[in-house]
Amino acid sequence: MADVQLLAEMLRSDRSDVASYARLLAGALAGALPAGMVEVELRRGLTDRVTGREGRPVAVLVHGQDRDLELREGPRGAVEGEIRQVVRGTVVSRRPVGVDLWLEALAVDLNRIAARDALERLLRPDPG
């Protein structure tokens, strides 16, 4: 739980660009989260293609149990958040949110994952 709070504080400290969020979410959380839970959308310019670079992150999408959380670079470079309610793989509603509310939703989803994993470990029979 403290790790989630530390991550949220790190994310709050620099809300200036999507690349910061992408680095922390895709990098720091990659090993702790189920595969495919975090997606990063990259924009590649001509220079990126010529030099073989990946491009720069313009959006981060985190898939939760019943919702998706997206941070996207807005038209003027500001970070814009969106929470999407998902039912059986279909987005049924979209709600624009600020970065603080997006981070709270992310913390809730991460806590759910941590609780589910802890319960699975507790209920798993001891192999030895």
N, C-alpha and C. Protein backbone atom coordinates (compact mmCIF):
# COMPACT_ATOMS: atom_id res chain seq x y z
N MET A 1 0.83 -1.19 0.00
CA MET A 1 0.00 0.00 0.00
C MET A 1 0.87 1.25 0.00
N ALA A 2 1.95 1.23 0.76
CA ALA A 2 2.84 2.38 0.79
C ALA A 2 3.49 2.60 -0.57
N ASP A 3 3.77 1.49 -1.29
CA ASP A 3 4.35 1.61 -2.62
C ASP A 3 3.41 2.35 -3.57
N VAL A 4 2.11 2.07 -3.46
CA VAL A 4 1.13 2.73 -4.31
C VAL A 4 1.09 4.22 -3.98
N GLN A 5 1.14 4.55 -2.69
CA GLN A 5 1.12 5.96 -2.30
C GLN A 5 2.39 6.67 -2.78
N LEU A 6 3.52 6.00 -2.70
CA LEU A 6 4.77 6.57 -3.18
C LEU A 6 4.71 6.81 -4.69
N LEU A 7 4.18 5.85 -5.42
CA LEU A 7 4.03 6.00 -6.87
C LEU A 7 3.12 7.17 -7.20
N ALA A 8 1.99 7.26 -6.51
CA ALA A 8 1.05 8.36 -6.75
C ALA A 8 1.72 9.71 -6.47
N GLU A 9 2.52 9.77 -5.43
CA GLU A 9 3.22 11.02 -5.11
C GLU A 9 4.25 11.36 -6.19
N MET A 10 4.94 10.35 -6.69
CA MET A 10 5.90 10.57 -7.77
C MET A 10 5.19 11.10 -9.01
N LEU A 11 4.04 10.51 -9.31
CA LEU A 11 3.28 10.95 -10.48
C LEU A 11 2.76 12.37 -10.30
N ARG A 12 2.31 12.69 -9.08
CA ARG A 12 1.79 14.04 -8.81
C ARG A 12 2.89 15.10 -8.93
N SER A 13 4.11 14.72 -8.61
CA SER A 13 5.19 15.70 -8.56
C SER A 13 5.51 16.30 -9.93
N ASP A 14 5.24 15.56 -11.01
CA ASP A 14 5.55 16.09 -12.34
C ASP A 14 4.40 15.79 -13.28
N ARG A 15 3.47 16.71 -13.39
CA ARG A 15 2.33 16.50 -14.27
C ARG A 15 2.46 17.30 -15.55
N SER A 16 3.67 17.66 -15.89
CA SER A 16 3.85 18.54 -17.03
C SER A 16 3.74 17.84 -18.37
N ASP A 17 4.03 16.55 -18.43
CA ASP A 17 3.94 15.88 -19.73
C ASP A 17 3.60 14.41 -19.59
N VAL A 18 3.03 13.86 -20.65
CA VAL A 18 2.63 12.46 -20.68
C VAL A 18 3.85 11.55 -20.62
N ALA A 19 4.96 11.99 -21.16
CA ALA A 19 6.17 11.15 -21.16
C ALA A 19 6.59 10.78 -19.74
N SER A 20 6.45 11.69 -18.80
CA SER A 20 6.80 11.39 -17.40
C SER A 20 5.93 10.26 -16.86
N TYR A 21 4.63 10.35 -17.12
CA TYR A 21 3.72 9.31 -16.67
C TYR A 21 4.04 7.97 -17.37
N ALA A 22 4.31 8.05 -18.64
CA ALA A 22 4.61 6.83 -19.41
C ALA A 22 5.84 6.14 -18.85
N ARG A 23 6.89 6.91 -18.56
CA ARG A 23 8.12 6.32 -18.01
C ARG A 23 7.84 5.63 -16.69
N LEU A 24 7.11 6.28 -15.80
CA LEU A 24 6.85 5.69 -14.49
C LEU A 24 5.91 4.49 -14.58
N LEU A 25 4.84 4.62 -15.35
CA LEU A 25 3.86 3.53 -15.41
C LEU A 25 4.39 2.33 -16.18
N ALA A 26 4.95 2.57 -17.34
CA ALA A 26 5.44 1.45 -18.15
C ALA A 26 6.75 0.91 -17.60
N GLY A 27 7.55 1.75 -16.99
CA GLY A 27 8.83 1.30 -16.46
C GLY A 27 8.71 0.71 -15.06
N ALA A 28 8.30 1.53 -14.09
CA ALA A 28 8.27 1.11 -12.69
C ALA A 28 7.24 0.03 -12.43
N LEU A 29 6.11 0.08 -13.12
CA LEU A 29 5.05 -0.87 -12.83
C LEU A 29 5.04 -2.09 -13.75
N ALA A 30 5.84 -2.08 -14.78
CA ALA A 30 5.78 -3.15 -15.79
C ALA A 30 5.89 -4.54 -15.18
N GLY A 31 6.81 -4.73 -14.25
CA GLY A 31 6.99 -6.05 -13.66
C GLY A 31 5.93 -6.41 -12.64
N ALA A 32 5.28 -5.41 -12.05
CA ALA A 32 4.32 -5.66 -10.99
C ALA A 32 2.89 -5.87 -11.50
N LEU A 33 2.61 -5.40 -12.70
CA LEU A 33 1.24 -5.48 -13.22
C LEU A 33 1.10 -6.60 -14.23
N PRO A 34 -0.12 -7.09 -14.39
CA PRO A 34 -0.34 -8.13 -15.41
C PRO A 34 0.05 -7.62 -16.79
N ALA A 35 0.52 -8.52 -17.63
CA ALA A 35 0.95 -8.15 -18.98
C ALA A 35 -0.22 -7.51 -19.74
N GLY A 36 0.08 -6.47 -20.47
CA GLY A 36 -0.93 -5.80 -21.30
C GLY A 36 -1.79 -4.81 -20.56
N MET A 37 -1.55 -4.61 -19.27
CA MET A 37 -2.40 -3.68 -18.52
C MET A 37 -2.08 -2.23 -18.84
N VAL A 38 -0.82 -1.93 -19.14
CA VAL A 38 -0.42 -0.56 -19.46
C VAL A 38 -0.01 -0.50 -20.93
N GLU A 39 -0.62 0.43 -21.66
CA GLU A 39 -0.26 0.67 -23.06
C GLU A 39 0.23 2.11 -23.20
N VAL A 40 1.26 2.28 -23.98
CA VAL A 40 1.79 3.61 -24.24
C VAL A 40 1.68 3.87 -25.74
N GLU A 41 1.04 4.97 -26.09
CA GLU A 41 0.93 5.37 -27.49
C GLU A 41 2.08 6.34 -27.81
N LEU A 42 2.80 6.03 -28.86
CA LEU A 42 3.94 6.85 -29.26
C LEU A 42 3.63 7.59 -30.55
N ARG A 43 4.14 8.80 -30.66
CA ARG A 43 4.04 9.55 -31.91
C ARG A 43 5.45 9.66 -32.48
N ARG A 44 5.61 9.17 -33.70
CA ARG A 44 6.92 9.20 -34.35
C ARG A 44 6.91 10.22 -35.47
N GLY A 45 7.79 11.17 -35.36
CA GLY A 45 7.97 12.14 -36.42
C GLY A 45 8.96 11.62 -37.45
N LEU A 46 9.17 12.39 -38.48
CA LEU A 46 10.10 11.99 -39.55
C LEU A 46 11.49 11.74 -38.99
N THR A 47 11.96 12.62 -38.12
CA THR A 47 13.30 12.45 -37.53
C THR A 47 13.38 11.15 -36.74
N ASP A 48 12.30 10.82 -36.01
CA ASP A 48 12.29 9.56 -35.25
C ASP A 48 12.40 8.36 -36.18
N ARG A 49 11.66 8.39 -37.26
CA ARG A 49 11.68 7.26 -38.21
C ARG A 49 13.05 7.13 -38.87
N VAL A 50 13.64 8.25 -39.27
CA VAL A 50 14.93 8.22 -39.94
C VAL A 50 16.03 7.73 -39.00
N THR A 51 15.98 8.16 -37.74
CA THR A 51 17.03 7.78 -36.79
C THR A 51 16.73 6.47 -36.06
N GLY A 52 15.54 5.89 -36.31
CA GLY A 52 15.20 4.61 -35.68
C GLY A 52 14.74 4.73 -34.23
N ARG A 53 14.37 5.93 -33.81
CA ARG A 53 13.89 6.10 -32.43
C ARG A 53 12.42 5.71 -32.34
N GLU A 54 12.01 5.37 -31.11
CA GLU A 54 10.63 4.96 -30.87
C GLU A 54 9.63 6.08 -31.06
N GLY A 55 10.02 7.29 -30.78
CA GLY A 55 9.09 8.41 -30.79
C GLY A 55 8.84 8.86 -29.36
N ARG A 56 7.90 9.78 -29.21
CA ARG A 56 7.64 10.29 -27.86
C ARG A 56 6.24 9.87 -27.42
N PRO A 57 6.10 9.54 -26.14
CA PRO A 57 4.79 9.13 -25.63
C PRO A 57 3.80 10.29 -25.68
N VAL A 58 2.60 10.01 -26.19
CA VAL A 58 1.54 11.03 -26.22
C VAL A 58 0.30 10.57 -25.46
N ALA A 59 0.25 9.28 -25.07
CA ALA A 59 -0.88 8.77 -24.29
C ALA A 59 -0.47 7.54 -23.52
N VAL A 60 -1.08 7.39 -22.35
CA VAL A 60 -0.89 6.20 -21.52
C VAL A 60 -2.28 5.68 -21.18
N LEU A 61 -2.51 4.39 -21.41
CA LEU A 61 -3.80 3.77 -21.13
C LEU A 61 -3.58 2.63 -20.15
N VAL A 62 -4.30 2.67 -19.03
CA VAL A 62 -4.21 1.63 -18.01
C VAL A 62 -5.55 0.89 -17.98
N HIS A 63 -5.52 -0.41 -18.28
CA HIS A 63 -6.73 -1.23 -18.28
C HIS A 63 -6.98 -1.76 -16.88
N GLY A 64 -8.13 -1.42 -16.32
CA GLY A 64 -8.53 -1.93 -15.01
C GLY A 64 -9.55 -3.04 -15.17
N GLN A 65 -10.20 -3.42 -14.06
CA GLN A 65 -11.19 -4.49 -14.10
C GLN A 65 -12.43 -4.09 -14.88
N ASP A 66 -12.97 -2.94 -14.56
CA ASP A 66 -14.21 -2.52 -15.20
C ASP A 66 -14.10 -1.11 -15.78
N ARG A 67 -12.86 -0.65 -15.92
CA ARG A 67 -12.66 0.68 -16.49
C ARG A 67 -11.26 0.81 -17.06
N ASP A 68 -11.13 1.76 -17.97
CA ASP A 68 -9.83 2.12 -18.53
C ASP A 68 -9.53 3.54 -18.11
N LEU A 69 -8.28 3.80 -17.80
CA LEU A 69 -7.83 5.13 -17.41
C LEU A 69 -6.83 5.61 -18.45
N GLU A 70 -7.11 6.76 -19.05
CA GLU A 70 -6.20 7.26 -20.08
C GLU A 70 -5.73 8.67 -19.74
N LEU A 71 -4.43 8.88 -19.92
CA LEU A 71 -3.84 10.22 -19.89
C LEU A 71 -3.34 10.49 -21.28
N ARG A 72 -3.68 11.65 -21.81
CA ARG A 72 -3.32 11.99 -23.18
C ARG A 72 -2.79 13.42 -23.22
N GLU A 73 -1.86 13.64 -24.12
CA GLU A 73 -1.36 14.99 -24.36
C GLU A 73 -2.44 15.77 -25.08
N GLY A 74 -2.83 16.90 -24.51
CA GLY A 74 -3.88 17.73 -25.11
C GLY A 74 -3.34 18.58 -26.24
N PRO A 75 -4.21 19.37 -26.84
CA PRO A 75 -3.82 20.18 -28.00
C PRO A 75 -2.70 21.19 -27.70
N ARG A 76 -2.61 21.66 -26.48
CA ARG A 76 -1.57 22.64 -26.14
C ARG A 76 -0.48 22.03 -25.25
N GLY A 77 -0.39 20.71 -25.26
CA GLY A 77 0.66 20.03 -24.50
C GLY A 77 0.28 19.71 -23.07
N ALA A 78 -0.88 20.19 -22.59
CA ALA A 78 -1.31 19.88 -21.22
C ALA A 78 -1.73 18.41 -21.14
N VAL A 79 -1.69 17.85 -19.96
CA VAL A 79 -2.10 16.46 -19.75
C VAL A 79 -3.60 16.43 -19.46
N GLU A 80 -4.34 15.60 -20.21
CA GLU A 80 -5.78 15.45 -20.04
C GLU A 80 -6.08 14.02 -19.64
N GLY A 81 -6.97 13.85 -18.66
CA GLY A 81 -7.32 12.51 -18.20
C GLY A 81 -8.73 12.12 -18.63
N GLU A 82 -8.94 10.82 -18.72
CA GLU A 82 -10.28 10.30 -19.05
C GLU A 82 -10.46 8.96 -18.37
N ILE A 83 -11.64 8.76 -17.79
CA ILE A 83 -12.00 7.47 -17.20
C ILE A 83 -13.12 6.90 -18.04
N ARG A 84 -12.92 5.66 -18.51
CA ARG A 84 -13.91 5.00 -19.36
C ARG A 84 -14.47 3.79 -18.63
N GLN A 85 -15.78 3.73 -18.50
CA GLN A 85 -16.42 2.54 -17.94
C GLN A 85 -16.50 1.50 -19.05
N VAL A 86 -16.11 0.27 -18.74
CA VAL A 86 -16.06 -0.80 -19.73
C VAL A 86 -16.90 -1.97 -19.25
N VAL A 87 -17.78 -2.44 -20.13
CA VAL A 87 -18.60 -3.62 -19.85
C VAL A 87 -18.37 -4.64 -20.96
N ARG A 88 -17.87 -5.81 -20.58
CA ARG A 88 -17.57 -6.89 -21.53
C ARG A 88 -16.77 -6.40 -22.73
N GLY A 89 -15.76 -5.59 -22.46
CA GLY A 89 -14.88 -5.12 -23.52
C GLY A 89 -15.38 -3.93 -24.31
N THR A 90 -16.57 -3.41 -23.99
CA THR A 90 -17.14 -2.27 -24.72
C THR A 90 -17.17 -1.05 -23.81
N VAL A 91 -16.69 0.08 -24.31
CA VAL A 91 -16.73 1.32 -23.55
C VAL A 91 -18.15 1.83 -23.55
N VAL A 92 -18.75 1.98 -22.35
CA VAL A 92 -20.13 2.44 -22.26
C VAL A 92 -20.24 3.90 -21.83
N SER A 93 -19.17 4.46 -21.26
CA SER A 93 -19.18 5.88 -20.93
C SER A 93 -17.76 6.40 -20.83
N ARG A 94 -17.62 7.68 -21.09
CA ARG A 94 -16.33 8.37 -21.01
C ARG A 94 -16.52 9.62 -20.17
N ARG A 95 -15.57 9.87 -19.27
CA ARG A 95 -15.67 11.04 -18.42
C ARG A 95 -14.31 11.72 -18.34
N PRO A 96 -14.22 12.96 -18.84
CA PRO A 96 -12.95 13.69 -18.69
C PRO A 96 -12.72 14.04 -17.22
N VAL A 97 -11.49 13.88 -16.78
CA VAL A 97 -11.15 14.17 -15.38
C VAL A 97 -9.80 14.88 -15.32
N GLY A 98 -9.56 15.52 -14.21
CA GLY A 98 -8.26 16.14 -13.97
C GLY A 98 -7.25 15.08 -13.55
N VAL A 99 -6.00 15.48 -13.51
CA VAL A 99 -4.92 14.55 -13.18
C VAL A 99 -5.07 14.00 -11.76
N ASP A 100 -5.48 14.83 -10.80
CA ASP A 100 -5.63 14.35 -9.42
C ASP A 100 -6.67 13.24 -9.31
N LEU A 101 -7.81 13.43 -9.94
CA LEU A 101 -8.86 12.40 -9.91
C LEU A 101 -8.40 11.15 -10.64
N TRP A 102 -7.68 11.32 -11.73
CA TRP A 102 -7.15 10.18 -12.49
C TRP A 102 -6.19 9.38 -11.61
N LEU A 103 -5.33 10.08 -10.86
CA LEU A 103 -4.37 9.40 -9.97
C LEU A 103 -5.09 8.65 -8.85
N GLU A 104 -6.17 9.24 -8.32
CA GLU A 104 -6.94 8.55 -7.29
C GLU A 104 -7.55 7.26 -7.86
N ALA A 105 -8.10 7.34 -9.06
CA ALA A 105 -8.68 6.15 -9.70
C ALA A 105 -7.60 5.10 -9.94
N LEU A 106 -6.42 5.52 -10.35
CA LEU A 106 -5.31 4.59 -10.56
C LEU A 106 -4.93 3.91 -9.24
N ALA A 107 -4.84 4.68 -8.16
CA ALA A 107 -4.50 4.11 -6.86
C ALA A 107 -5.53 3.08 -6.42
N VAL A 108 -6.82 3.35 -6.66
CA VAL A 108 -7.88 2.39 -6.33
C VAL A 108 -7.68 1.11 -7.13
N ASP A 109 -7.43 1.23 -8.43
CA ASP A 109 -7.24 0.05 -9.26
C ASP A 109 -6.01 -0.75 -8.84
N LEU A 110 -4.91 -0.06 -8.52
CA LEU A 110 -3.69 -0.76 -8.08
C LEU A 110 -3.91 -1.47 -6.75
N ASN A 111 -4.67 -0.84 -5.85
CA ASN A 111 -4.97 -1.48 -4.57
C ASN A 111 -5.83 -2.72 -4.78
N ARG A 112 -6.78 -2.67 -5.73
CA ARG A 112 -7.60 -3.85 -6.04
C ARG A 112 -6.73 -5.00 -6.52
N ILE A 113 -5.79 -4.68 -7.39
CA ILE A 113 -4.89 -5.71 -7.93
C ILE A 113 -4.04 -6.31 -6.81
N ALA A 114 -3.51 -5.44 -5.96
CA ALA A 114 -2.67 -5.92 -4.84
C ALA A 114 -3.48 -6.79 -3.90
N ALA A 115 -4.71 -6.39 -3.60
CA ALA A 115 -5.56 -7.17 -2.70
C ALA A 115 -5.91 -8.52 -3.32
N ARG A 116 -6.24 -8.51 -4.61
CA ARG A 116 -6.57 -9.76 -5.30
C ARG A 116 -5.38 -10.71 -5.31
N ASP A 117 -4.18 -10.17 -5.60
CA ASP A 117 -2.97 -11.00 -5.63
C ASP A 117 -2.67 -11.58 -4.25
N ALA A 118 -2.84 -10.75 -3.21
CA ALA A 118 -2.59 -11.22 -1.84
C ALA A 118 -3.57 -12.33 -1.47
N LEU A 119 -4.83 -12.17 -1.85
CA LEU A 119 -5.83 -13.19 -1.55
C LEU A 119 -5.53 -14.49 -2.30
N GLU A 120 -5.11 -14.38 -3.56
CA GLU A 120 -4.76 -15.57 -4.33
C GLU A 120 -3.59 -16.31 -3.69
N ARG A 121 -2.59 -15.56 -3.21
CA ARG A 121 -1.44 -16.20 -2.55
C ARG A 121 -1.87 -16.88 -1.26
N LEU A 122 -2.79 -16.25 -0.54
CA LEU A 122 -3.26 -16.80 0.73
C LEU A 122 -4.05 -18.09 0.50
N LEU A 123 -4.86 -18.11 -0.54
CA LEU A 123 -5.72 -19.27 -0.81
C LEU A 123 -5.03 -20.38 -1.58
N ARG A 124 -3.88 -20.07 -2.19
CA ARG A 124 -3.15 -21.07 -2.97
C ARG A 124 -2.58 -22.12 -2.03
N PRO A 125 -2.79 -23.39 -2.36
CA PRO A 125 -2.24 -24.45 -1.49
C PRO A 125 -0.71 -24.40 -1.49
N ASP A 126 -0.15 -24.71 -0.36
CA ASP A 126 1.31 -24.71 -0.20
C ASP A 126 1.88 -25.93 -0.94
N PRO A 127 2.77 -25.69 -1.95
CA PRO A 127 3.32 -26.81 -2.73
C PRO A 127 4.29 -27.67 -1.95
N GLY A 128 4.84 -27.17 -0.87
CA GLY A 128 5.88 -27.93 -0.17
C GLY A 128 5.38 -28.52 1.05
